[in-house]
Amino acid sequence: MHNSPSNPTGAVYTPDEIRAIGAVLEKHGILALSDEIYEHLIYGDIQFLSLAAVSPALKQQVVTVNGCSKSFSMTGWRIGWARGLTKSSKPH
């Protein structure tokens, strides 16, 4: 499970750190769940990078979960989604 930005600390992996994690996942064929619910709640100069965006091959190894209850202050609303590709899926 990958969580960046994370709750409760607010820690955010840098794009270089995410690329390094992605390289290990890709090299070893590891599947990952990437929780990106806090992607819009970043303060300072750091930039958000989705784990699935590191490389085209990694898109088949990452399931991304996200939603709008956090970034749009919709506390109590549980609107979310998950996305991922299977080996037979073709990106659009």
C-alpha atoms as a PDB file:
ATOM      1  CA  MET A   1       0.000   0.000   0.000  1.00  0.00           C
ATOM      2  CA  HIS A   2       1.343   3.385  -1.010  1.00  0.00           C
ATOM      3  CA  ASN A   3      -0.133   6.484   0.626  1.00  0.00           C
ATOM      4  CA  SER A   4       1.149   9.916  -0.379  1.00  0.00           C
ATOM      5  CA  PRO A   5       0.267  12.434   0.890  1.00  0.00           C
ATOM      6  CA  SER A   6      -0.395  10.392   3.972  1.00  0.00           C
ATOM      7  CA  ASN A   7      -2.702  10.744   6.902  1.00  0.00           C
ATOM      8  CA  PRO A   8      -2.190  11.546   9.768  1.00  0.00           C
ATOM      9  CA  THR A   9       1.335  12.926   9.310  1.00  0.00           C
ATOM     10  CA  GLY A  10       0.828  14.768   6.032  1.00  0.00           C
ATOM     11  CA  ALA A  11       4.115  13.344   4.748  1.00  0.00           C
ATOM     12  CA  VAL A  12       4.523  13.534   0.977  1.00  0.00           C
ATOM     13  CA  TYR A  13       6.965  11.471  -1.053  1.00  0.00           C
ATOM     14  CA  THR A  14       8.954  13.565  -3.515  1.00  0.00           C
ATOM     15  CA  PRO A  15       8.618  12.750  -7.229  1.00  0.00           C
ATOM     16  CA  ASP A  16      12.146  11.254  -7.142  1.00  0.00           C
ATOM     17  CA  GLU A  17      11.194   8.979  -4.214  1.00  0.00           C
ATOM     18  CA  ILE A  18       8.027   7.871  -6.020  1.00  0.00           C
ATOM     19  CA  ARG A  19      10.029   7.106  -9.171  1.00  0.00           C
ATOM     20  CA  ALA A  20      12.446   5.006  -7.084  1.00  0.00           C
ATOM     21  CA  ILE A  21       9.563   3.083  -5.476  1.00  0.00           C
ATOM     22  CA  GLY A  22       8.028   2.611  -8.922  1.00  0.00           C
ATOM     23  CA  ALA A  23      11.289   1.253 -10.320  1.00  0.00           C
ATOM     24  CA  VAL A  24      11.439  -1.412  -7.601  1.00  0.00           C
ATOM     25  CA  LEU A  25       7.783  -2.368  -8.129  1.00  0.00           C
ATOM     26  CA  GLU A  26       8.252  -2.587 -11.891  1.00  0.00           C
ATOM     27  CA  LYS A  27      11.505  -4.556 -11.683  1.00  0.00           C
ATOM     28  CA  HIS A  28      10.050  -7.194  -9.359  1.00  0.00           C
ATOM     29  CA  GLY A  29       6.506  -7.294 -10.780  1.00  0.00           C
ATOM     30  CA  ILE A  30       4.972  -6.222  -7.460  1.00  0.00           C
ATOM     31  CA  LEU A  31       1.337  -5.128  -7.432  1.00  0.00           C
ATOM     32  CA  ALA A  32       0.550  -2.005  -5.434  1.00  0.00           C
ATOM     33  CA  LEU A  33      -2.482  -0.210  -4.066  1.00  0.00           C
ATOM     34  CA  SER A  34      -1.944   3.560  -4.197  1.00  0.00           C
ATOM     35  CA  ASP A  35      -4.177   5.645  -1.914  1.00  0.00           C
ATOM     36  CA  GLU A  36      -4.212   9.151  -3.419  1.00  0.00           C
ATOM     37  CA  ILE A  37      -7.228  10.593  -1.569  1.00  0.00           C
ATOM     38  CA  TYR A  38      -5.164  13.529  -0.259  1.00  0.00           C
ATOM     39  CA  GLU A  39      -3.495  14.452  -3.580  1.00  0.00           C
ATOM     40  CA  HIS A  40      -4.918  18.002  -3.556  1.00  0.00           C
ATOM     41  CA  LEU A  41      -4.016  18.696   0.076  1.00  0.00           C
ATOM     42  CA  ILE A  42      -0.342  19.498  -0.362  1.00  0.00           C
ATOM     43  CA  TYR A  43       1.281  22.599   1.063  1.00  0.00           C
ATOM     44  CA  GLY A  44       4.636  24.045   0.131  1.00  0.00           C
ATOM     45  CA  ASP A  45       6.706  23.502  -2.980  1.00  0.00           C
ATOM     46  CA  ILE A  46       6.468  19.721  -3.318  1.00  0.00           C
ATOM     47  CA  GLN A  47       4.632  18.360  -6.357  1.00  0.00           C
ATOM     48  CA  PHE A  48       2.255  15.403  -6.344  1.00  0.00           C
ATOM     49  CA  LEU A  49       3.087  12.460  -8.610  1.00  0.00           C
ATOM     50  CA  SER A  50       0.787   9.485  -9.001  1.00  0.00           C
ATOM     51  CA  LEU A  51       2.547   6.149  -8.606  1.00  0.00           C
ATOM     52  CA  ALA A  52       0.792   4.839 -11.727  1.00  0.00           C
ATOM     53  CA  ALA A  53       2.219   7.740 -13.768  1.00  0.00           C
ATOM     54  CA  VAL A  54       5.843   6.721 -13.241  1.00  0.00           C
ATOM     55  CA  SER A  55       5.956   4.516 -16.347  1.00  0.00           C
ATOM     56  CA  PRO A  56       3.548   2.965 -18.860  1.00  0.00           C
ATOM     57  CA  ALA A  57       4.433  -0.563 -17.673  1.00  0.00           C
ATOM     58  CA  LEU A  58       3.726   0.289 -14.035  1.00  0.00           C
ATOM     59  CA  LYS A  59       0.129   1.222 -14.860  1.00  0.00           C
ATOM     60  CA  GLN A  60      -0.628  -2.513 -15.016  1.00  0.00           C
ATOM     61  CA  GLN A  61       0.768  -3.063 -11.525  1.00  0.00           C
ATOM     62  CA  VAL A  62      -0.976  -0.245  -9.651  1.00  0.00           C
ATOM     63  CA  VAL A  63      -4.565   0.090  -8.507  1.00  0.00           C
ATOM     64  CA  THR A  64      -5.234   3.718  -7.584  1.00  0.00           C
ATOM     65  CA  VAL A  65      -7.956   4.651  -5.106  1.00  0.00           C
ATOM     66  CA  ASN A  66      -9.186   8.213  -4.754  1.00  0.00           C
ATOM     67  CA  GLY A  67     -12.274  10.245  -4.001  1.00  0.00           C
ATOM     68  CA  CYS A  68     -13.574  13.738  -3.477  1.00  0.00           C
ATOM     69  CA  SER A  69     -14.653  13.782   0.166  1.00  0.00           C
ATOM     70  CA  LYS A  70     -11.269  15.071   1.395  1.00  0.00           C
ATOM     71  CA  SER A  71     -10.197  17.534  -1.303  1.00  0.00           C
ATOM     72  CA  PHE A  72     -13.639  19.116  -1.605  1.00  0.00           C
ATOM     73  CA  SER A  73     -14.392  19.159   2.158  1.00  0.00           C
ATOM     74  CA  MET A  74     -17.319  16.798   1.722  1.00  0.00           C
ATOM     75  CA  THR A  75     -16.962  15.191   5.144  1.00  0.00           C
ATOM     76  CA  GLY A  76     -19.457  12.395   5.501  1.00  0.00           C
ATOM     77  CA  TRP A  77     -19.825  11.908   1.748  1.00  0.00           C
ATOM     78  CA  ARG A  78     -18.167   8.693   0.694  1.00  0.00           C
ATOM     79  CA  ILE A  79     -17.691   9.248  -3.010  1.00  0.00           C
ATOM     80  CA  GLY A  80     -14.674   7.429  -4.325  1.00  0.00           C
ATOM     81  CA  TRP A  81     -13.283   5.331  -7.100  1.00  0.00           C
ATOM     82  CA  ALA A  82     -10.566   2.878  -7.972  1.00  0.00           C
ATOM     83  CA  ARG A  83      -8.816   2.469 -11.281  1.00  0.00           C
ATOM     84  CA  GLY A  84      -6.344   0.026 -12.691  1.00  0.00           C
ATOM     85  CA  LEU A  85      -5.484  -1.867 -15.842  1.00  0.00           C
ATOM     86  CA  THR A  86      -5.417  -5.572 -16.400  1.00  0.00           C
ATOM     87  CA  LYS A  87      -2.850  -7.100 -18.687  1.00  0.00           C
ATOM     88  CA  SER A  88      -5.512  -7.317 -21.384  1.00  0.00           C
ATOM     89  CA  SER A  89      -6.655  -3.706 -20.921  1.00  0.00           C
ATOM     90  CA  LYS A  90      -5.702  -1.107 -23.449  1.00  0.00           C
ATOM     91  CA  PRO A  91      -5.143   2.464 -22.217  1.00  0.00           C
ATOM     92  CA  HIS A  92      -7.536   5.016 -23.678  1.00  0.00           C
END
